Amino acid sequence: MKTPKSLLALIALVPSIAAFAQEPVVGVADPESLFVDDDPLHHRNKQTTLHIMRELLQCGQWDRSGEWLTDQYLQHNPNAASGRAGVVYFFTQVMKQERIDSCEELTTEIVAVMADDDYVTVLWPRVYPDPRTPEYQECQKLAVGDGRNRCLAGVKLYWTSWFDTWRFVDGKADEHWDPATIAPPPTPERC
């Protein structure tokens, strides 16, 4: 049996169309509303998660980390050491996150917050430059500085999801997971 060339061409085209087909990941209008729960244990853990997301991750108030993280704080992100001191060091010394004093509301886009027993998972959108586009590949070759933003302007973006999961002990986060991979060593900034 012979397969027409046009059918073979269509079959070959379908995977490439699917590779670029996507729905954007979008957060809710009021992300803080996701951190409430009728169950008292889940509510307490979601509220602590809100403080971690807002005061620590968004506003860099790592001097307050003892309010929401245990000293043991087991870390499964391969870029930060376990222990509260290890995660504080990562964000303040490695990532050089600056502290923002005024931190009244969560501005991070959030898709969902789920609680189960002592665990809370936060799902949020991420947007990245698409490395499959020629503009991105050309941008990778350019030096940084003010040229970085100009080269990124033409790069196609794609949406994906990120999650953070915490396990709580007595109302404080004691363990953390996310999908992070090992970051490359610091080099002169590139696109």
C-alpha atoms as a PDB file:
ATOM      1  CA  MET A   1       0.000   0.000   0.000  1.00  0.00           C
ATOM      2  CA  LYS A   2       1.372   3.428  -0.993  1.00  0.00           C
ATOM      3  CA  THR A   3       0.961   6.458   1.232  1.00  0.00           C
ATOM      4  CA  PRO A   4       0.445   9.712  -0.676  1.00  0.00           C
ATOM      5  CA  LYS A   5       3.288  12.228  -0.279  1.00  0.00           C
ATOM      6  CA  SER A   6       0.871  14.909   0.888  1.00  0.00           C
ATOM      7  CA  LEU A   7      -0.263  12.693   3.791  1.00  0.00           C
ATOM      8  CA  LEU A   8       3.364  12.038   4.780  1.00  0.00           C
ATOM      9  CA  ALA A   9       4.083  15.775   4.656  1.00  0.00           C
ATOM     10  CA  LEU A  10       1.064  16.465   6.885  1.00  0.00           C
ATOM     11  CA  ILE A  11       2.138  13.790   9.363  1.00  0.00           C
ATOM     12  CA  ALA A  12       5.647  15.320   9.482  1.00  0.00           C
ATOM     13  CA  LEU A  13       4.196  18.814  10.026  1.00  0.00           C
ATOM     14  CA  VAL A  14       1.911  17.928  12.960  1.00  0.00           C
ATOM     15  CA  PRO A  15       4.693  17.464  15.580  1.00  0.00           C
ATOM     16  CA  SER A  16       6.256  20.821  14.685  1.00  0.00           C
ATOM     17  CA  ILE A  17       2.896  22.581  15.022  1.00  0.00           C
ATOM     18  CA  ALA A  18       2.324  20.889  18.384  1.00  0.00           C
ATOM     19  CA  ALA A  19       5.759  21.995  19.576  1.00  0.00           C
ATOM     20  CA  PHE A  20       4.758  25.656  19.182  1.00  0.00           C
ATOM     21  CA  ALA A  21       1.102  25.290  20.254  1.00  0.00           C
ATOM     22  CA  GLN A  22       0.435  26.401  23.796  1.00  0.00           C
ATOM     23  CA  GLU A  23      -1.971  28.138  26.106  1.00  0.00           C
ATOM     24  CA  PRO A  24      -0.380  30.778  28.350  1.00  0.00           C
ATOM     25  CA  VAL A  25      -0.282  30.017  32.072  1.00  0.00           C
ATOM     26  CA  VAL A  26      -2.183  32.809  33.819  1.00  0.00           C
ATOM     27  CA  GLY A  27      -2.518  33.629  37.503  1.00  0.00           C
ATOM     28  CA  VAL A  28      -5.665  34.690  39.343  1.00  0.00           C
ATOM     29  CA  ALA A  29      -6.679  38.314  39.874  1.00  0.00           C
ATOM     30  CA  ASP A  30      -6.400  38.143  43.692  1.00  0.00           C
ATOM     31  CA  PRO A  31      -3.563  35.728  44.552  1.00  0.00           C
ATOM     32  CA  GLU A  32      -3.827  36.241  48.323  1.00  0.00           C
ATOM     33  CA  SER A  33      -7.378  34.817  48.246  1.00  0.00           C
ATOM     34  CA  LEU A  34      -5.833  31.413  47.431  1.00  0.00           C
ATOM     35  CA  PHE A  35      -4.029  31.282  50.794  1.00  0.00           C
ATOM     36  CA  VAL A  36      -7.166  30.756  52.912  1.00  0.00           C
ATOM     37  CA  ASP A  37      -8.779  27.461  53.857  1.00  0.00           C
ATOM     38  CA  ASP A  38     -11.718  26.255  55.952  1.00  0.00           C
ATOM     39  CA  ASP A  39      -9.515  23.584  57.560  1.00  0.00           C
ATOM     40  CA  PRO A  40      -7.583  25.258  60.443  1.00  0.00           C
ATOM     41  CA  LEU A  41      -4.336  23.312  59.818  1.00  0.00           C
ATOM     42  CA  HIS A  42      -4.420  24.002  56.082  1.00  0.00           C
ATOM     43  CA  HIS A  43      -5.268  27.658  56.744  1.00  0.00           C
ATOM     44  CA  ARG A  44      -2.309  28.098  59.119  1.00  0.00           C
ATOM     45  CA  ASN A  45       0.081  26.441  56.650  1.00  0.00           C
ATOM     46  CA  LYS A  46      -1.286  28.427  53.687  1.00  0.00           C
ATOM     47  CA  GLN A  47      -0.921  31.673  55.657  1.00  0.00           C
ATOM     48  CA  THR A  48       2.706  30.806  56.467  1.00  0.00           C
ATOM     49  CA  THR A  49       3.224  30.031  52.777  1.00  0.00           C
ATOM     50  CA  LEU A  50       1.797  33.454  51.924  1.00  0.00           C
ATOM     51  CA  HIS A  51       4.382  35.079  54.207  1.00  0.00           C
ATOM     52  CA  ILE A  52       7.166  33.018  52.608  1.00  0.00           C
ATOM     53  CA  MET A  53       5.993  34.042  49.129  1.00  0.00           C
ATOM     54  CA  ARG A  54       5.395  37.701  49.991  1.00  0.00           C
ATOM     55  CA  GLU A  55       7.879  38.780  52.645  1.00  0.00           C
ATOM     56  CA  LEU A  56      10.743  36.399  51.813  1.00  0.00           C
ATOM     57  CA  LEU A  57      10.633  35.545  48.099  1.00  0.00           C
ATOM     58  CA  GLN A  58       9.022  38.752  46.809  1.00  0.00           C
ATOM     59  CA  CYS A  59      10.406  41.366  49.207  1.00  0.00           C
ATOM     60  CA  GLY A  60      13.675  39.802  50.366  1.00  0.00           C
ATOM     61  CA  GLN A  61      12.989  40.247  54.075  1.00  0.00           C
ATOM     62  CA  TRP A  62      15.263  37.314  54.909  1.00  0.00           C
ATOM     63  CA  ASP A  63      16.105  38.817  58.304  1.00  0.00           C
ATOM     64  CA  ARG A  64      12.560  37.694  59.233  1.00  0.00           C
ATOM     65  CA  SER A  65      12.987  34.111  57.954  1.00  0.00           C
ATOM     66  CA  GLY A  66      12.879  32.649  61.487  1.00  0.00           C
ATOM     67  CA  GLU A  67       9.201  33.626  61.693  1.00  0.00           C
ATOM     68  CA  TRP A  68       8.274  31.146  58.937  1.00  0.00           C
ATOM     69  CA  LEU A  69      11.151  28.664  58.468  1.00  0.00           C
ATOM     70  CA  THR A  70      12.586  26.123  60.921  1.00  0.00           C
ATOM     71  CA  ASP A  71      16.316  26.197  61.602  1.00  0.00           C
ATOM     72  CA  GLN A  72      16.570  22.699  60.077  1.00  0.00           C
ATOM     73  CA  TYR A  73      14.763  23.693  56.805  1.00  0.00           C
ATOM     74  CA  LEU A  74      15.560  20.755  54.511  1.00  0.00           C
ATOM     75  CA  GLN A  75      16.237  22.052  51.012  1.00  0.00           C
ATOM     76  CA  HIS A  76      15.756  19.969  47.849  1.00  0.00           C
ATOM     77  CA  ASN A  77      16.669  22.780  45.442  1.00  0.00           C
ATOM     78  CA  PRO A  78      20.225  21.840  44.337  1.00  0.00           C
ATOM     79  CA  ASN A  79      21.367  25.481  44.385  1.00  0.00           C
ATOM     80  CA  ALA A  80      20.822  26.207  48.085  1.00  0.00           C
ATOM     81  CA  ALA A  81      22.101  24.420  51.164  1.00  0.00           C
ATOM     82  CA  SER A  82      19.780  22.932  53.751  1.00  0.00           C
ATOM     83  CA  GLY A  83      19.177  24.821  56.953  1.00  0.00           C
ATOM     84  CA  ARG A  84      17.560  28.222  57.314  1.00  0.00           C
ATOM     85  CA  ALA A  85      21.018  29.810  57.213  1.00  0.00           C
ATOM     86  CA  GLY A  86      21.722  28.061  53.889  1.00  0.00           C
ATOM     87  CA  VAL A  87      18.610  29.392  52.155  1.00  0.00           C
ATOM     88  CA  VAL A  88      19.145  32.882  53.600  1.00  0.00           C
ATOM     89  CA  TYR A  89      22.726  32.829  52.293  1.00  0.00           C
ATOM     90  CA  PHE A  90      21.517  31.704  48.846  1.00  0.00           C
ATOM     91  CA  PHE A  91      19.030  34.544  48.442  1.00  0.00           C
ATOM     92  CA  THR A  92      21.046  37.312  50.099  1.00  0.00           C
ATOM     93  CA  GLN A  93      24.613  36.468  49.035  1.00  0.00           C
ATOM     94  CA  VAL A  94      24.356  34.340  45.875  1.00  0.00           C
ATOM     95  CA  MET A  95      21.210  35.837  44.311  1.00  0.00           C
ATOM     96  CA  LYS A  96      21.919  39.226  45.960  1.00  0.00           C
ATOM     97  CA  GLN A  97      18.201  39.851  46.479  1.00  0.00           C
ATOM     98  CA  GLU A  98      17.641  43.345  47.803  1.00  0.00           C
ATOM     99  CA  ARG A  99      15.323  43.905  50.753  1.00  0.00           C
ATOM    100  CA  ILE A 100      12.093  45.806  50.113  1.00  0.00           C
ATOM    101  CA  ASP A 101      10.755  47.272  53.362  1.00  0.00           C
ATOM    102  CA  SER A 102       7.185  47.925  52.242  1.00  0.00           C
ATOM    103  CA  CYS A 103       5.521  44.610  51.452  1.00  0.00           C
ATOM    104  CA  GLU A 104       1.772  44.887  51.949  1.00  0.00           C
ATOM    105  CA  GLU A 105       0.478  42.682  49.146  1.00  0.00           C
ATOM    106  CA  LEU A 106       1.566  39.708  47.104  1.00  0.00           C
ATOM    107  CA  THR A 107       2.227  40.811  43.531  1.00  0.00           C
ATOM    108  CA  THR A 108       3.564  37.454  42.321  1.00  0.00           C
ATOM    109  CA  GLU A 109       1.206  35.831  39.843  1.00  0.00           C
ATOM    110  CA  ILE A 110      -0.254  32.636  41.357  1.00  0.00           C
ATOM    111  CA  VAL A 111      -2.317  29.979  39.566  1.00  0.00           C
ATOM    112  CA  ALA A 112      -3.263  27.721  42.490  1.00  0.00           C
ATOM    113  CA  VAL A 113      -2.456  26.892  46.118  1.00  0.00           C
ATOM    114  CA  MET A 114      -3.115  23.342  47.300  1.00  0.00           C
ATOM    115  CA  ALA A 115      -2.864  21.964  50.838  1.00  0.00           C
ATOM    116  CA  ASP A 116      -2.764  18.315  51.880  1.00  0.00           C
ATOM    117  CA  ASP A 117      -1.876  17.263  55.433  1.00  0.00           C
ATOM    118  CA  ASP A 118       1.335  19.151  56.309  1.00  0.00           C
ATOM    119  CA  TYR A 119       2.112  20.097  52.685  1.00  0.00           C
ATOM    120  CA  VAL A 120       1.309  23.229  50.689  1.00  0.00           C
ATOM    121  CA  THR A 121       2.062  23.558  46.979  1.00  0.00           C
ATOM    122  CA  VAL A 122       1.991  26.845  45.097  1.00  0.00           C
ATOM    123  CA  LEU A 123       1.701  26.776  41.309  1.00  0.00           C
ATOM    124  CA  TRP A 124       2.732  29.886  39.407  1.00  0.00           C
ATOM    125  CA  PRO A 125       3.402  30.925  35.826  1.00  0.00           C
ATOM    126  CA  ARG A 126       6.846  31.433  34.353  1.00  0.00           C
ATOM    127  CA  VAL A 127       7.681  33.100  31.038  1.00  0.00           C
ATOM    128  CA  TYR A 128      10.962  32.423  29.242  1.00  0.00           C
ATOM    129  CA  PRO A 129      12.556  33.368  25.919  1.00  0.00           C
ATOM    130  CA  ASP A 130      12.065  30.565  23.409  1.00  0.00           C
ATOM    131  CA  PRO A 131      15.539  29.142  22.608  1.00  0.00           C
ATOM    132  CA  ARG A 132      14.197  27.657  19.344  1.00  0.00           C
ATOM    133  CA  THR A 133      13.811  31.079  17.737  1.00  0.00           C
ATOM    134  CA  PRO A 134      16.653  32.513  15.618  1.00  0.00           C
ATOM    135  CA  GLU A 135      16.405  35.846  17.469  1.00  0.00           C
ATOM    136  CA  TYR A 136      17.176  34.098  20.768  1.00  0.00           C
ATOM    137  CA  GLN A 137      20.157  32.276  19.278  1.00  0.00           C
ATOM    138  CA  GLU A 138      21.508  35.560  17.908  1.00  0.00           C
ATOM    139  CA  CYS A 139      20.870  37.236  21.250  1.00  0.00           C
ATOM    140  CA  GLN A 140      22.995  34.582  22.958  1.00  0.00           C
ATOM    141  CA  LYS A 141      25.973  35.725  20.859  1.00  0.00           C
ATOM    142  CA  LEU A 142      25.705  39.388  21.831  1.00  0.00           C
ATOM    143  CA  ALA A 143      27.423  41.068  24.736  1.00  0.00           C
ATOM    144  CA  VAL A 144      25.269  42.338  27.549  1.00  0.00           C
ATOM    145  CA  GLY A 145      24.747  45.826  28.831  1.00  0.00           C
ATOM    146  CA  ASP A 146      22.136  47.941  27.139  1.00  0.00           C
ATOM    147  CA  GLY A 147      22.264  45.577  24.120  1.00  0.00           C
ATOM    148  CA  ARG A 148      20.667  42.796  26.147  1.00  0.00           C
ATOM    149  CA  ASN A 149      17.205  44.353  26.262  1.00  0.00           C
ATOM    150  CA  ARG A 150      17.356  45.307  22.604  1.00  0.00           C
ATOM    151  CA  CYS A 151      18.186  41.765  21.518  1.00  0.00           C
ATOM    152  CA  LEU A 152      15.500  40.251  23.749  1.00  0.00           C
ATOM    153  CA  ALA A 153      12.839  42.542  22.276  1.00  0.00           C
ATOM    154  CA  GLY A 154      12.393  40.345  19.183  1.00  0.00           C
ATOM    155  CA  VAL A 155      12.552  36.993  20.972  1.00  0.00           C
ATOM    156  CA  LYS A 156       9.423  34.856  21.098  1.00  0.00           C
ATOM    157  CA  LEU A 157       8.340  33.930  24.626  1.00  0.00           C
ATOM    158  CA  TYR A 158       6.786  30.766  25.998  1.00  0.00           C
ATOM    159  CA  TRP A 159       4.829  30.085  29.183  1.00  0.00           C
ATOM    160  CA  THR A 160       5.291  27.243  31.594  1.00  0.00           C
ATOM    161  CA  SER A 161       4.591  26.500  35.243  1.00  0.00           C
ATOM    162  CA  TRP A 162       6.733  26.479  38.353  1.00  0.00           C
ATOM    163  CA  PHE A 163       5.860  24.983  41.686  1.00  0.00           C
ATOM    164  CA  ASP A 164       7.107  25.247  45.225  1.00  0.00           C
ATOM    165  CA  THR A 165       6.068  22.698  47.846  1.00  0.00           C
ATOM    166  CA  TRP A 166       6.667  23.084  51.558  1.00  0.00           C
ATOM    167  CA  ARG A 167       6.195  20.616  54.425  1.00  0.00           C
ATOM    168  CA  PHE A 168       5.256  22.240  57.725  1.00  0.00           C
ATOM    169  CA  VAL A 169       6.073  21.404  61.331  1.00  0.00           C
ATOM    170  CA  ASP A 170       4.253  23.386  64.025  1.00  0.00           C
ATOM    171  CA  GLY A 171       3.316  26.164  61.594  1.00  0.00           C
ATOM    172  CA  LYS A 172       6.796  26.677  60.097  1.00  0.00           C
ATOM    173  CA  ALA A 173       8.178  25.407  56.796  1.00  0.00           C
ATOM    174  CA  ASP A 174      10.595  22.559  57.540  1.00  0.00           C
ATOM    175  CA  GLU A 175      11.217  21.184  54.035  1.00  0.00           C
ATOM    176  CA  HIS A 176      11.054  22.531  50.471  1.00  0.00           C
ATOM    177  CA  TRP A 177      10.875  21.155  46.921  1.00  0.00           C
ATOM    178  CA  ASP A 178      10.826  22.826  43.513  1.00  0.00           C
ATOM    179  CA  PRO A 179      11.808  21.765  39.975  1.00  0.00           C
ATOM    180  CA  ALA A 180      15.092  23.727  39.968  1.00  0.00           C
ATOM    181  CA  THR A 181      18.141  22.340  38.240  1.00  0.00           C
ATOM    182  CA  ILE A 182      21.759  23.213  38.975  1.00  0.00           C
ATOM    183  CA  ALA A 183      22.483  26.766  37.890  1.00  0.00           C
ATOM    184  CA  PRO A 184      25.602  27.392  35.783  1.00  0.00           C
ATOM    185  CA  PRO A 185      28.461  29.171  37.523  1.00  0.00           C
ATOM    186  CA  PRO A 186      28.293  32.971  37.441  1.00  0.00           C
ATOM    187  CA  THR A 187      29.742  34.448  34.251  1.00  0.00           C
ATOM    188  CA  PRO A 188      29.479  37.857  32.658  1.00  0.00           C
ATOM    189  CA  GLU A 189      25.730  38.368  32.225  1.00  0.00           C
ATOM    190  CA  ARG A 190      24.334  37.239  28.889  1.00  0.00           C
ATOM    191  CA  CYS A 191      20.834  37.076  27.438  1.00  0.00           C
END
